[in-house]
Structure formats: C-alpha cells, structure tokens
N, C-alpha and C. Protein backbone atom coordinates (compact mmCIF):
# COMPACT_ATOMS: atom_id res chain seq x y z
N MET A 1 47.57 92.60 74.33
CA MET A 1 48.22 91.38 73.83
C MET A 1 47.20 90.25 73.81
N GLU A 2 47.20 89.54 72.74
CA GLU A 2 46.26 88.43 72.60
C GLU A 2 47.02 87.11 72.69
N GLU A 3 46.54 86.23 73.54
CA GLU A 3 47.12 84.89 73.64
C GLU A 3 46.03 83.90 73.26
N ARG A 4 46.38 82.95 72.45
CA ARG A 4 45.41 81.94 72.02
C ARG A 4 45.97 80.56 72.32
N VAL A 5 45.10 79.70 72.77
CA VAL A 5 45.48 78.32 73.01
C VAL A 5 44.97 77.48 71.86
N HIS A 6 45.86 76.77 71.22
CA HIS A 6 45.50 75.91 70.10
C HIS A 6 45.58 74.46 70.55
N ARG A 7 44.62 73.67 70.11
CA ARG A 7 44.62 72.24 70.41
C ARG A 7 44.31 71.51 69.12
N TRP A 8 45.11 70.52 68.81
CA TRP A 8 44.85 69.78 67.58
C TRP A 8 45.32 68.34 67.73
N SER A 9 44.86 67.54 66.79
CA SER A 9 45.24 66.12 66.75
C SER A 9 45.46 65.75 65.31
N ARG A 10 46.51 64.99 65.05
CA ARG A 10 46.79 64.58 63.69
C ARG A 10 47.48 63.22 63.73
N VAL A 11 47.60 62.61 62.57
CA VAL A 11 48.29 61.33 62.47
C VAL A 11 49.52 61.52 61.59
N ARG A 12 50.67 61.08 62.08
CA ARG A 12 51.91 61.22 61.32
C ARG A 12 52.68 59.92 61.43
N CYS A 13 53.05 59.38 60.30
CA CYS A 13 53.83 58.13 60.24
C CYS A 13 53.16 57.02 61.03
N GLY A 14 51.83 57.01 61.00
CA GLY A 14 51.11 55.94 61.67
C GLY A 14 50.88 56.15 63.15
N PHE A 15 51.42 57.26 63.72
CA PHE A 15 51.25 57.53 65.13
C PHE A 15 50.29 58.70 65.32
N ALA A 16 49.41 58.58 66.30
CA ALA A 16 48.54 59.70 66.62
C ALA A 16 49.33 60.75 67.37
N VAL A 17 49.11 62.00 67.01
CA VAL A 17 49.78 63.12 67.65
C VAL A 17 48.73 64.05 68.24
N ARG A 18 48.78 64.30 69.53
CA ARG A 18 47.87 65.23 70.18
C ARG A 18 48.69 66.37 70.74
N ALA A 19 48.25 67.61 70.52
CA ALA A 19 49.09 68.75 70.86
C ALA A 19 48.27 69.91 71.38
N MET A 20 48.92 70.74 72.19
CA MET A 20 48.36 72.00 72.65
C MET A 20 49.46 73.03 72.66
N ALA A 21 49.11 74.29 72.40
CA ALA A 21 50.11 75.35 72.40
C ALA A 21 49.46 76.68 72.74
N VAL A 22 50.23 77.53 73.41
CA VAL A 22 49.82 78.90 73.66
C VAL A 22 50.57 79.77 72.66
N GLU A 23 49.84 80.59 71.94
CA GLU A 23 50.45 81.43 70.92
C GLU A 23 50.76 82.80 71.51
N PHE A 24 52.05 83.19 71.49
CA PHE A 24 52.47 84.50 71.94
C PHE A 24 52.82 85.36 70.73
N PRO A 25 52.71 86.68 70.85
CA PRO A 25 53.12 87.55 69.74
C PRO A 25 54.61 87.35 69.44
N GLU A 26 54.96 87.34 68.18
CA GLU A 26 56.36 87.21 67.81
C GLU A 26 57.07 88.54 68.01
N VAL A 27 58.25 88.48 68.61
CA VAL A 27 59.09 89.66 68.80
C VAL A 27 60.48 89.28 68.30
N GLU A 28 60.82 89.73 67.12
CA GLU A 28 62.07 89.32 66.50
C GLU A 28 63.26 89.79 67.33
N GLY A 29 64.19 88.86 67.59
CA GLY A 29 65.40 89.18 68.32
C GLY A 29 65.19 89.47 69.79
N HIS A 30 64.09 88.99 70.36
CA HIS A 30 63.82 89.25 71.78
C HIS A 30 65.00 88.75 72.63
N PRO A 31 65.61 89.61 73.45
CA PRO A 31 66.82 89.21 74.18
C PRO A 31 66.57 88.23 75.32
N ASN A 32 65.30 88.08 75.73
CA ASN A 32 65.03 87.21 76.87
C ASN A 32 64.28 85.94 76.48
N ARG A 33 64.20 85.65 75.18
CA ARG A 33 63.56 84.42 74.71
C ARG A 33 64.57 83.57 73.96
N LEU A 34 64.95 82.47 74.57
CA LEU A 34 65.83 81.50 73.92
C LEU A 34 65.01 80.23 73.71
N PRO A 35 64.61 79.92 72.49
CA PRO A 35 63.73 78.77 72.25
C PRO A 35 64.39 77.44 72.62
N PHE A 36 63.60 76.55 73.17
CA PHE A 36 64.07 75.20 73.48
C PHE A 36 63.00 74.20 73.11
N ASP A 37 63.40 72.95 72.99
CA ASP A 37 62.45 71.85 72.88
C ASP A 37 63.07 70.63 73.51
N GLY A 38 62.23 69.67 73.83
CA GLY A 38 62.75 68.47 74.46
C GLY A 38 61.69 67.41 74.65
N CYS A 39 62.13 66.25 75.06
CA CYS A 39 61.24 65.16 75.45
C CYS A 39 61.17 65.16 76.97
N LEU A 40 59.99 65.48 77.49
CA LEU A 40 59.83 65.60 78.93
C LEU A 40 59.80 64.25 79.63
N THR A 41 59.14 63.26 79.01
CA THR A 41 59.06 61.94 79.62
C THR A 41 58.58 60.92 78.59
N LEU A 42 58.66 59.67 78.95
CA LEU A 42 58.10 58.58 78.16
C LEU A 42 56.81 58.11 78.83
N LEU A 43 55.85 57.72 78.03
CA LEU A 43 54.53 57.33 78.53
C LEU A 43 54.31 55.83 78.38
N ASP A 44 53.56 55.27 79.31
CA ASP A 44 53.29 53.82 79.33
C ASP A 44 54.58 53.02 79.42
N VAL A 45 55.63 53.62 79.97
CA VAL A 45 56.93 52.96 80.12
C VAL A 45 57.41 53.22 81.55
N ALA A 46 57.93 52.20 82.21
CA ALA A 46 58.44 52.37 83.57
C ALA A 46 59.70 53.22 83.56
N SER A 47 59.82 54.10 84.53
CA SER A 47 61.01 54.93 84.66
C SER A 47 62.23 54.06 84.93
N ASP A 48 63.39 54.58 84.58
CA ASP A 48 64.63 53.83 84.79
C ASP A 48 65.01 53.77 86.26
N LYS A 49 64.59 54.79 87.00
CA LYS A 49 64.80 54.78 88.45
C LYS A 49 63.65 55.52 89.11
N ALA A 50 63.60 55.45 90.42
CA ALA A 50 62.48 56.05 91.15
C ALA A 50 62.58 57.57 91.13
N PRO A 51 61.51 58.27 90.76
CA PRO A 51 61.52 59.73 90.85
C PRO A 51 61.47 60.18 92.30
N SER A 52 61.84 61.42 92.52
CA SER A 52 61.70 62.00 93.85
C SER A 52 60.24 62.01 94.24
N GLY A 53 59.94 61.57 95.45
CA GLY A 53 58.55 61.57 95.92
C GLY A 53 57.82 60.27 95.70
N ALA A 54 58.46 59.29 95.05
CA ALA A 54 57.78 58.03 94.74
C ALA A 54 58.13 56.92 95.74
N ARG A 55 58.73 57.28 96.86
CA ARG A 55 59.03 56.32 97.92
C ARG A 55 59.86 55.13 97.42
N GLY A 56 60.76 55.40 96.51
CA GLY A 56 61.64 54.34 96.02
C GLY A 56 61.05 53.49 94.91
N HIS A 57 59.83 53.80 94.48
CA HIS A 57 59.18 53.04 93.41
C HIS A 57 59.50 53.66 92.05
N ARG A 58 59.78 52.82 91.08
CA ARG A 58 59.74 53.28 89.70
C ARG A 58 58.29 53.55 89.34
N VAL A 59 58.06 54.40 88.34
CA VAL A 59 56.69 54.79 88.02
C VAL A 59 56.42 54.67 86.53
N VAL A 60 55.14 54.52 86.21
CA VAL A 60 54.65 54.57 84.83
C VAL A 60 53.61 55.67 84.77
N LEU A 61 53.83 56.66 83.92
CA LEU A 61 52.81 57.67 83.66
C LEU A 61 52.05 57.22 82.42
N THR A 62 50.77 56.95 82.57
CA THR A 62 50.01 56.43 81.44
C THR A 62 49.77 57.53 80.40
N LYS A 63 49.61 57.08 79.16
CA LYS A 63 49.34 58.04 78.09
C LYS A 63 48.01 58.74 78.32
N ALA A 64 47.02 58.01 78.82
CA ALA A 64 45.72 58.60 79.08
C ALA A 64 45.82 59.71 80.12
N ALA A 65 46.63 59.47 81.16
CA ALA A 65 46.81 60.48 82.20
C ALA A 65 47.52 61.71 81.64
N ALA A 66 48.53 61.48 80.81
CA ALA A 66 49.27 62.59 80.22
C ALA A 66 48.39 63.41 79.28
N GLU A 67 47.56 62.74 78.49
CA GLU A 67 46.66 63.46 77.58
C GLU A 67 45.69 64.33 78.37
N ALA A 68 45.15 63.79 79.45
CA ALA A 68 44.20 64.56 80.26
C ALA A 68 44.87 65.74 80.94
N ALA A 69 46.15 65.58 81.27
CA ALA A 69 46.87 66.62 82.00
C ALA A 69 47.58 67.61 81.08
N LEU A 70 47.51 67.40 79.78
CA LEU A 70 48.24 68.25 78.84
C LEU A 70 47.94 69.74 79.04
N PRO A 71 46.68 70.15 79.24
CA PRO A 71 46.42 71.58 79.44
C PRO A 71 47.14 72.17 80.65
N SER A 72 47.37 71.35 81.68
CA SER A 72 48.02 71.87 82.89
C SER A 72 49.50 72.15 82.67
N LEU A 73 50.06 71.63 81.59
CA LEU A 73 51.49 71.81 81.32
C LEU A 73 51.79 73.17 80.70
N LEU A 74 50.83 73.71 79.96
CA LEU A 74 51.05 74.98 79.28
C LEU A 74 51.18 76.12 80.28
N GLY A 75 52.19 76.96 80.08
CA GLY A 75 52.42 78.09 80.97
C GLY A 75 53.20 77.75 82.21
N MET A 76 53.52 76.48 82.42
CA MET A 76 54.32 76.09 83.58
C MET A 76 55.80 76.41 83.35
N ALA A 77 56.50 76.61 84.43
CA ALA A 77 57.90 77.02 84.35
C ALA A 77 58.82 75.81 84.21
N VAL A 78 59.97 76.06 83.64
CA VAL A 78 61.07 75.10 83.70
C VAL A 78 62.09 75.67 84.69
N ASP A 79 62.71 74.77 85.42
CA ASP A 79 63.69 75.20 86.42
C ASP A 79 64.96 74.39 86.28
N TYR A 80 65.98 74.77 87.02
CA TYR A 80 67.23 74.03 87.00
C TYR A 80 67.90 74.15 88.36
N LYS A 81 68.83 73.26 88.62
CA LYS A 81 69.60 73.27 89.85
C LYS A 81 71.07 73.36 89.49
N ALA A 82 71.82 74.11 90.23
CA ALA A 82 73.26 74.21 89.98
C ALA A 82 73.87 72.82 89.95
N GLY A 83 74.63 72.55 88.92
CA GLY A 83 75.20 71.22 88.73
C GLY A 83 74.37 70.36 87.81
N TRP A 84 73.16 70.82 87.45
CA TRP A 84 72.28 70.12 86.51
C TRP A 84 71.97 68.69 86.98
N ASP A 85 71.78 68.53 88.29
CA ASP A 85 71.59 67.17 88.80
C ASP A 85 70.27 66.98 89.54
N GLY A 86 69.32 67.90 89.37
CA GLY A 86 68.06 67.74 90.08
C GLY A 86 67.10 68.88 89.81
N HIS A 87 66.15 69.05 90.74
CA HIS A 87 65.10 70.06 90.63
C HIS A 87 65.34 71.18 91.64
N ASP A 88 64.96 72.39 91.27
CA ASP A 88 64.88 73.51 92.19
C ASP A 88 63.75 74.40 91.70
N ALA A 89 62.56 74.18 92.23
CA ALA A 89 61.36 74.86 91.74
C ALA A 89 61.43 76.38 91.89
N ARG A 90 62.35 76.87 92.73
CA ARG A 90 62.47 78.32 92.91
C ARG A 90 63.42 78.95 91.89
N GLN A 91 64.12 78.13 91.15
CA GLN A 91 65.03 78.62 90.12
C GLN A 91 64.33 78.52 88.77
N LYS A 92 63.28 79.27 88.60
CA LYS A 92 62.50 79.21 87.36
C LYS A 92 63.22 80.00 86.28
N CYS A 93 63.52 79.33 85.18
CA CYS A 93 64.38 79.93 84.16
C CYS A 93 63.74 79.96 82.78
N GLY A 94 62.47 79.58 82.68
CA GLY A 94 61.82 79.58 81.38
C GLY A 94 60.37 79.17 81.50
N ILE A 95 59.72 79.01 80.35
CA ILE A 95 58.30 78.71 80.33
C ILE A 95 57.99 77.73 79.20
N ILE A 96 57.06 76.83 79.46
CA ILE A 96 56.60 75.87 78.45
C ILE A 96 55.41 76.48 77.72
N THR A 97 55.50 76.57 76.41
CA THR A 97 54.42 77.17 75.63
C THR A 97 53.71 76.18 74.72
N ALA A 98 54.25 74.98 74.55
CA ALA A 98 53.62 73.98 73.69
C ALA A 98 53.97 72.59 74.19
N ALA A 99 53.04 71.67 73.98
CA ALA A 99 53.27 70.28 74.38
C ALA A 99 52.48 69.37 73.46
N HIS A 100 53.08 68.26 73.10
CA HIS A 100 52.33 67.29 72.31
C HIS A 100 52.85 65.89 72.57
N ILE A 101 51.96 64.94 72.33
CA ILE A 101 52.28 63.53 72.53
C ILE A 101 52.47 62.90 71.16
N GLU A 102 53.59 62.25 70.99
CA GLU A 102 53.89 61.58 69.73
C GLU A 102 54.40 60.18 70.05
N GLY A 103 53.62 59.19 69.68
CA GLY A 103 53.98 57.83 70.08
C GLY A 103 53.91 57.73 71.60
N ASN A 104 55.01 57.31 72.22
CA ASN A 104 55.04 57.22 73.68
C ASN A 104 55.88 58.34 74.30
N ARG A 105 56.10 59.42 73.54
CA ARG A 105 56.89 60.53 74.04
C ARG A 105 56.04 61.77 74.27
N LEU A 106 56.26 62.43 75.39
CA LEU A 106 55.64 63.72 75.67
C LEU A 106 56.68 64.79 75.36
N LEU A 107 56.44 65.54 74.29
CA LEU A 107 57.38 66.53 73.80
C LEU A 107 56.91 67.93 74.17
N VAL A 108 57.85 68.79 74.54
CA VAL A 108 57.52 70.15 74.95
C VAL A 108 58.45 71.14 74.25
N SER A 109 58.01 72.38 74.21
CA SER A 109 58.87 73.46 73.71
C SER A 109 58.48 74.74 74.42
N GLY A 110 59.36 75.74 74.33
CA GLY A 110 59.09 77.00 75.01
C GLY A 110 60.28 77.92 74.91
N PHE A 111 60.45 78.76 75.92
CA PHE A 111 61.53 79.73 75.94
C PHE A 111 62.27 79.69 77.27
N LEU A 112 63.59 79.85 77.20
CA LEU A 112 64.39 80.12 78.38
C LEU A 112 64.56 81.63 78.50
N PHE A 113 64.70 82.12 79.73
CA PHE A 113 64.90 83.55 79.95
C PHE A 113 66.39 83.85 79.84
N ALA A 114 66.85 84.02 78.60
CA ALA A 114 68.28 84.09 78.31
C ALA A 114 68.94 85.33 78.89
N ARG A 115 68.24 86.44 78.93
CA ARG A 115 68.84 87.67 79.49
C ARG A 115 68.95 87.58 81.01
N ASP A 116 67.94 86.98 81.63
CA ASP A 116 67.95 86.82 83.08
C ASP A 116 68.97 85.79 83.52
N TYR A 117 69.23 84.80 82.65
CA TYR A 117 70.18 83.74 82.96
C TYR A 117 71.22 83.66 81.85
N PRO A 118 72.17 84.60 81.81
CA PRO A 118 73.14 84.64 80.72
C PRO A 118 74.00 83.38 80.64
N GLU A 119 74.05 82.61 81.73
CA GLU A 119 74.83 81.38 81.68
C GLU A 119 74.29 80.40 80.66
N PHE A 120 72.99 80.49 80.33
CA PHE A 120 72.43 79.59 79.34
C PHE A 120 73.04 79.85 77.97
N GLY A 121 73.27 81.11 77.66
CA GLY A 121 73.90 81.43 76.39
C GLY A 121 75.30 80.85 76.30
N LYS A 122 75.98 80.81 77.45
CA LYS A 122 77.34 80.27 77.47
C LYS A 122 77.32 78.75 77.45
N GLU A 123 76.41 78.17 78.23
CA GLU A 123 76.37 76.71 78.33
C GLU A 123 75.83 76.06 77.07
N PHE A 124 74.72 76.59 76.57
CA PHE A 124 74.02 75.94 75.47
C PHE A 124 74.29 76.56 74.11
N GLY A 125 74.63 77.84 74.08
CA GLY A 125 74.78 78.50 72.79
C GLY A 125 76.21 78.62 72.32
N GLY A 126 77.15 78.20 73.14
CA GLY A 126 78.55 78.40 72.81
C GLY A 126 79.30 77.12 72.53
N VAL A 127 80.52 77.08 73.02
CA VAL A 127 81.43 75.99 72.70
C VAL A 127 80.91 74.65 73.23
N LYS A 128 80.33 74.66 74.42
CA LYS A 128 79.90 73.39 75.03
C LYS A 128 78.79 72.75 74.21
N ALA A 129 77.92 73.58 73.65
CA ALA A 129 76.85 73.02 72.81
C ALA A 129 77.46 72.37 71.58
N ALA A 130 78.44 73.02 71.00
CA ALA A 130 79.10 72.47 69.83
C ALA A 130 79.83 71.18 70.16
N ALA A 131 80.25 71.06 71.41
CA ALA A 131 80.97 69.86 71.84
C ALA A 131 80.04 68.73 72.22
N GLY A 132 78.74 68.96 72.13
CA GLY A 132 77.80 67.87 72.37
C GLY A 132 77.09 67.91 73.70
N LEU A 133 77.03 69.08 74.37
CA LEU A 133 76.33 69.15 75.64
C LEU A 133 74.86 68.82 75.48
N ASP A 134 74.27 69.24 74.35
CA ASP A 134 72.85 68.95 74.12
C ASP A 134 72.56 67.46 74.23
N ASP A 135 73.49 66.62 73.79
CA ASP A 135 73.28 65.19 73.81
C ASP A 135 73.27 64.63 75.23
N LYS A 136 73.74 65.40 76.19
CA LYS A 136 73.82 64.93 77.56
C LYS A 136 72.66 65.43 78.43
N MET A 137 71.86 66.35 77.90
CA MET A 137 70.83 66.97 78.71
C MET A 137 69.48 66.28 78.54
N GLY A 138 68.70 66.31 79.60
CA GLY A 138 67.37 65.74 79.58
C GLY A 138 66.40 66.61 80.36
N MET A 139 65.23 66.07 80.62
CA MET A 139 64.21 66.80 81.36
C MET A 139 63.53 65.88 82.37
N SER A 140 62.82 66.49 83.30
CA SER A 140 62.12 65.74 84.34
C SER A 140 60.86 66.50 84.73
N TYR A 141 59.73 65.80 84.77
CA TYR A 141 58.48 66.48 85.08
C TYR A 141 58.32 66.72 86.57
N GLU A 142 57.43 67.66 86.90
CA GLU A 142 57.01 67.91 88.27
C GLU A 142 55.49 67.80 88.31
N LEU A 143 54.98 67.01 89.25
CA LEU A 143 53.55 66.69 89.31
C LEU A 143 52.97 67.03 90.68
N ALA A 144 51.68 67.23 90.68
CA ALA A 144 50.91 67.31 91.93
C ALA A 144 49.65 66.48 91.75
N ASP A 145 49.05 66.09 92.87
CA ASP A 145 47.78 65.35 92.86
C ASP A 145 47.85 64.10 91.98
N ALA A 146 48.96 63.40 92.07
CA ALA A 146 49.12 62.18 91.27
C ALA A 146 48.34 61.03 91.90
N HIS A 147 47.61 60.31 91.07
CA HIS A 147 46.79 59.18 91.53
C HIS A 147 47.50 57.89 91.18
N VAL A 148 47.81 57.09 92.20
CA VAL A 148 48.49 55.81 92.02
C VAL A 148 47.46 54.69 92.00
N ALA A 149 47.48 53.89 90.94
CA ALA A 149 46.47 52.84 90.79
C ALA A 149 46.54 51.82 91.92
N ASP A 150 47.75 51.40 92.29
CA ASP A 150 47.92 50.39 93.33
C ASP A 150 49.24 50.64 94.02
N MET A 151 49.18 51.15 95.24
CA MET A 151 50.40 51.50 95.96
C MET A 151 51.14 50.28 96.49
N ARG A 152 50.54 49.11 96.37
CA ARG A 152 51.24 47.88 96.75
C ARG A 152 52.14 47.37 95.64
N ALA A 153 51.95 47.88 94.43
CA ALA A 153 52.71 47.40 93.27
C ALA A 153 54.17 47.83 93.37
N THR A 154 55.04 47.02 92.81
CA THR A 154 56.46 47.36 92.78
C THR A 154 56.70 48.60 91.94
N VAL A 155 56.00 48.67 90.81
CA VAL A 155 56.06 49.85 89.94
C VAL A 155 54.73 50.58 90.05
N TRP A 156 54.77 51.83 90.44
CA TRP A 156 53.55 52.60 90.58
C TRP A 156 53.05 53.08 89.22
N THR A 157 51.77 52.91 88.96
CA THR A 157 51.14 53.41 87.74
C THR A 157 50.34 54.66 88.06
N LEU A 158 50.69 55.76 87.43
CA LEU A 158 50.01 57.03 87.66
C LEU A 158 48.89 57.17 86.63
N THR A 159 47.67 57.20 87.11
CA THR A 159 46.51 57.26 86.21
C THR A 159 45.89 58.66 86.14
N ARG A 160 46.37 59.55 86.98
CA ARG A 160 45.88 60.93 86.95
C ARG A 160 46.92 61.82 87.62
N ALA A 161 47.11 63.02 87.10
CA ALA A 161 48.08 63.94 87.69
C ALA A 161 47.88 65.33 87.11
N THR A 162 48.50 66.30 87.75
CA THR A 162 48.53 67.68 87.25
C THR A 162 49.99 68.09 87.12
N PHE A 163 50.37 68.58 85.95
CA PHE A 163 51.74 69.05 85.76
C PHE A 163 51.90 70.41 86.43
N THR A 164 52.98 70.57 87.19
CA THR A 164 53.26 71.85 87.84
C THR A 164 54.56 72.47 87.36
N GLY A 165 55.28 71.79 86.48
CA GLY A 165 56.52 72.34 85.95
C GLY A 165 57.42 71.23 85.45
N ALA A 166 58.66 71.61 85.17
CA ALA A 166 59.65 70.66 84.66
C ALA A 166 61.04 71.17 84.98
N ALA A 167 61.98 70.27 85.04
CA ALA A 167 63.38 70.64 85.29
C ALA A 167 64.24 70.25 84.09
N ILE A 168 65.28 71.04 83.88
CA ILE A 168 66.33 70.72 82.92
C ILE A 168 67.49 70.14 83.72
N LEU A 169 67.99 69.00 83.33
CA LEU A 169 69.06 68.36 84.07
C LEU A 169 69.83 67.40 83.18
N LEU A 170 70.92 66.90 83.68
CA LEU A 170 71.67 65.89 82.94
C LEU A 170 70.80 64.65 82.77
N ARG A 171 70.85 64.09 81.59
CA ARG A 171 69.96 62.96 81.28
C ARG A 171 70.15 61.80 82.24
N ASP A 172 71.38 61.53 82.64
CA ASP A 172 71.61 60.39 83.52
C ASP A 172 71.18 60.65 84.96
N LYS A 173 70.77 61.88 85.25
CA LYS A 173 70.23 62.19 86.57
C LYS A 173 68.71 62.13 86.59
N ALA A 174 68.10 62.04 85.42
CA ALA A 174 66.64 62.00 85.32
C ALA A 174 66.12 60.60 85.59
N ALA A 175 64.86 60.52 86.01
CA ALA A 175 64.24 59.21 86.25
C ALA A 175 64.10 58.43 84.94
N TYR A 176 63.89 59.16 83.85
CA TYR A 176 63.81 58.55 82.52
C TYR A 176 65.05 58.96 81.72
N ARG A 177 65.86 58.01 81.36
CA ARG A 177 67.08 58.34 80.60
C ARG A 177 66.78 58.56 79.12
N GLY A 178 65.55 58.35 78.72
CA GLY A 178 65.17 58.57 77.32
C GLY A 178 64.68 59.98 77.04
N THR A 179 64.84 60.90 77.99
CA THR A 179 64.42 62.28 77.76
C THR A 179 65.50 63.04 77.01
N SER A 180 65.17 64.26 76.60
CA SER A 180 66.15 65.08 75.87
C SER A 180 65.83 66.54 76.08
N PHE A 181 66.82 67.39 75.79
CA PHE A 181 66.65 68.84 75.87
C PHE A 181 67.66 69.50 74.96
N ARG A 182 67.20 70.49 74.20
CA ARG A 182 68.13 71.25 73.37
C ARG A 182 67.57 72.64 73.14
N VAL A 183 68.45 73.57 72.85
CA VAL A 183 68.04 74.93 72.51
C VAL A 183 68.21 75.13 71.01
N ALA A 184 67.44 76.11 70.49
CA ALA A 184 67.56 76.44 69.07
C ALA A 184 68.88 77.17 68.84
N GLY A 185 69.29 77.19 67.58
CA GLY A 185 70.58 77.81 67.25
C GLY A 185 70.58 79.31 67.39
N SER A 186 69.39 79.94 67.34
CA SER A 186 69.32 81.40 67.47
C SER A 186 68.05 81.78 68.21
N ARG A 187 68.02 82.96 68.74
CA ARG A 187 66.86 83.42 69.48
C ARG A 187 65.73 83.77 68.55
N ALA A 188 64.55 83.46 68.93
CA ALA A 188 63.34 83.78 68.17
C ALA A 188 62.35 84.35 69.13
N SER A 189 61.55 85.17 67.59
CA SER A 189 60.55 85.83 68.33
C SER A 189 60.17 84.83 69.43
N GLY A 190 53.88 62.39 93.30
CA GLY A 190 53.43 62.98 94.55
C GLY A 190 54.38 62.53 95.59
N SER A 191 55.05 63.79 96.24
CA SER A 191 56.08 63.25 97.11
C SER A 191 55.56 62.31 98.19
N ARG A 192 54.36 62.59 98.66
CA ARG A 192 53.76 61.70 99.68
C ARG A 192 52.33 61.35 99.29
N ALA A 193 51.94 60.15 99.61
CA ALA A 193 50.57 59.72 99.30
C ALA A 193 49.68 60.03 100.48
N SER A 194 48.55 60.67 100.23
CA SER A 194 47.61 60.95 101.30
C SER A 194 46.66 59.78 101.44
N GLY A 195 46.49 59.33 102.65
CA GLY A 195 45.63 58.18 102.86
C GLY A 195 46.45 56.91 102.83
N SER A 196 45.88 55.82 103.33
CA SER A 196 46.62 54.58 103.45
C SER A 196 46.05 53.47 102.60
N ARG A 197 45.12 53.81 101.72
CA ARG A 197 44.55 52.75 100.89
C ARG A 197 45.59 52.22 99.94
N ALA A 198 45.62 50.92 99.74
CA ALA A 198 46.62 50.31 98.89
C ALA A 198 46.27 50.45 97.43
N SER A 199 45.00 50.62 97.11
CA SER A 199 44.60 50.72 95.72
C SER A 199 43.79 51.98 95.52
N GLY A 200 44.02 52.64 94.37
CA GLY A 200 43.27 53.84 94.08
C GLY A 200 43.62 54.99 94.99
N SER A 201 44.87 55.08 95.43
CA SER A 201 45.27 56.10 96.37
C SER A 201 45.63 57.39 95.66
N GLN A 202 45.46 58.50 96.36
CA GLN A 202 45.74 59.82 95.82
C GLN A 202 47.11 60.27 96.35
N ALA A 203 48.05 60.52 95.44
CA ALA A 203 49.36 61.01 95.86
C ALA A 203 49.33 62.53 95.77
N SER A 204 49.29 63.18 96.91
CA SER A 204 49.24 64.64 96.92
C SER A 204 50.65 65.19 96.94
N ALA A 205 50.74 66.52 97.05
CA ALA A 205 52.02 67.21 97.08
C ALA A 205 52.74 67.04 95.75
N ARG A 206 54.08 66.76 95.77
CA ARG A 206 54.86 66.85 94.56
C ARG A 206 55.49 65.51 94.21
N CYS A 207 55.61 65.29 92.94
CA CYS A 207 56.35 64.13 92.43
C CYS A 207 57.19 64.62 91.27
N SER A 208 58.46 64.36 91.31
CA SER A 208 59.37 64.82 90.26
C SER A 208 59.95 63.62 89.55
N GLY A 209 59.73 63.56 88.22
CA GLY A 209 60.20 62.42 87.46
C GLY A 209 61.19 62.82 86.43
C-alpha cells in the first residue's frame, strides 16, 4: 500500500489556503470508513471559554502556530465521550487524513470507523441527522507542548504546539462555538505549564480546546 502526503497552497476568494493531506487507496463501499469534515478551531481568535488544561484562561491559537503544526495533525485520531460533552482520548473513533487553513478557520476531514462504532450510523446517518444534529455538533483540538507567550495575560496566546488529536462534541460544549462537524451522506472509498516563567513559558502535557 502506498501512502502519499500532499502539501499545497492556493488562493481562493482572496484568502490564502494552506493544506496537507494523506492519500489512502480508495476502497469503494468500505464498511468501516464514514467520511467526515469539520472546522476544528478558529485561529487568531480568542476562545469563547477556557479549554481544559488552560487554568481557566481563554486562549488564542495563532495562525502561524497552526500552520507550523499542520503536519502533526495528519494521522491523528478523533475521539468522543458519551453524551458528546467532552474529550475521551481512549475512545478513538476515527482518523484525520487532511487539514487546511482557510481564512481564520482550521478545517479537517477524515474517516470515522463506522463498523466499529455502529452508533455513528444511527446518530449521524439516520433520522437525527435529517433533523439537524449536524448543526449542533462541533470539534475540539487536543494539544501537547503548547508554548504560551505570556502566562500573566488574561488570554493565553499559543505560539507553538503539537496536535495530538481532536474530539467530536456538541458545539456549545466546545471552547470555540464557531466549530462544526458533519458526516458525508454516504460512505466512501497544555494541561499544565512546566516552569514558572511568566513569559515564554512551555505548556507541557495536554491542552484540549
């Protein structure tokens, strides 16, 4: 099996678009691939509420940091928590295969493991999806080694980070209410800061936004 990583940049409607994707072989009607896409987070914008691990601070993930970390997002898992109200990194239910930045949005796509998690077919592919469940769902990133520009600031600015995954959850439970998540209509082929410096501090461990 051959996997290729594609990276490109283009301009659309006046906005620069930077993207990366892992190309997998197409398998028509694969029972365990349910395509999804979504907006993982907003960039250069303060979160609506404090993410887990941010010590009660709202955060800003800079576009520069997101661009540098884009390669770390590919191949990372998406997870979910019963009730769709948070993160559970051990409940890995899919994989991110593509990511791109468009304007101030970090957009992702990939596959859910539909056969392993048949509830997704019921929740997203059935009556509830038709009733507008997609409009209520969002996403939340998971980070490690996040660098906070100034830990004394009311709003923390993240200038460097590594993506370790993402969660699917109700939009109003996410730190950014401007995120989104939806599935395709058919199947197709830092929680704690290390060190006490107030400026330029390294936030190790996990941060979930």
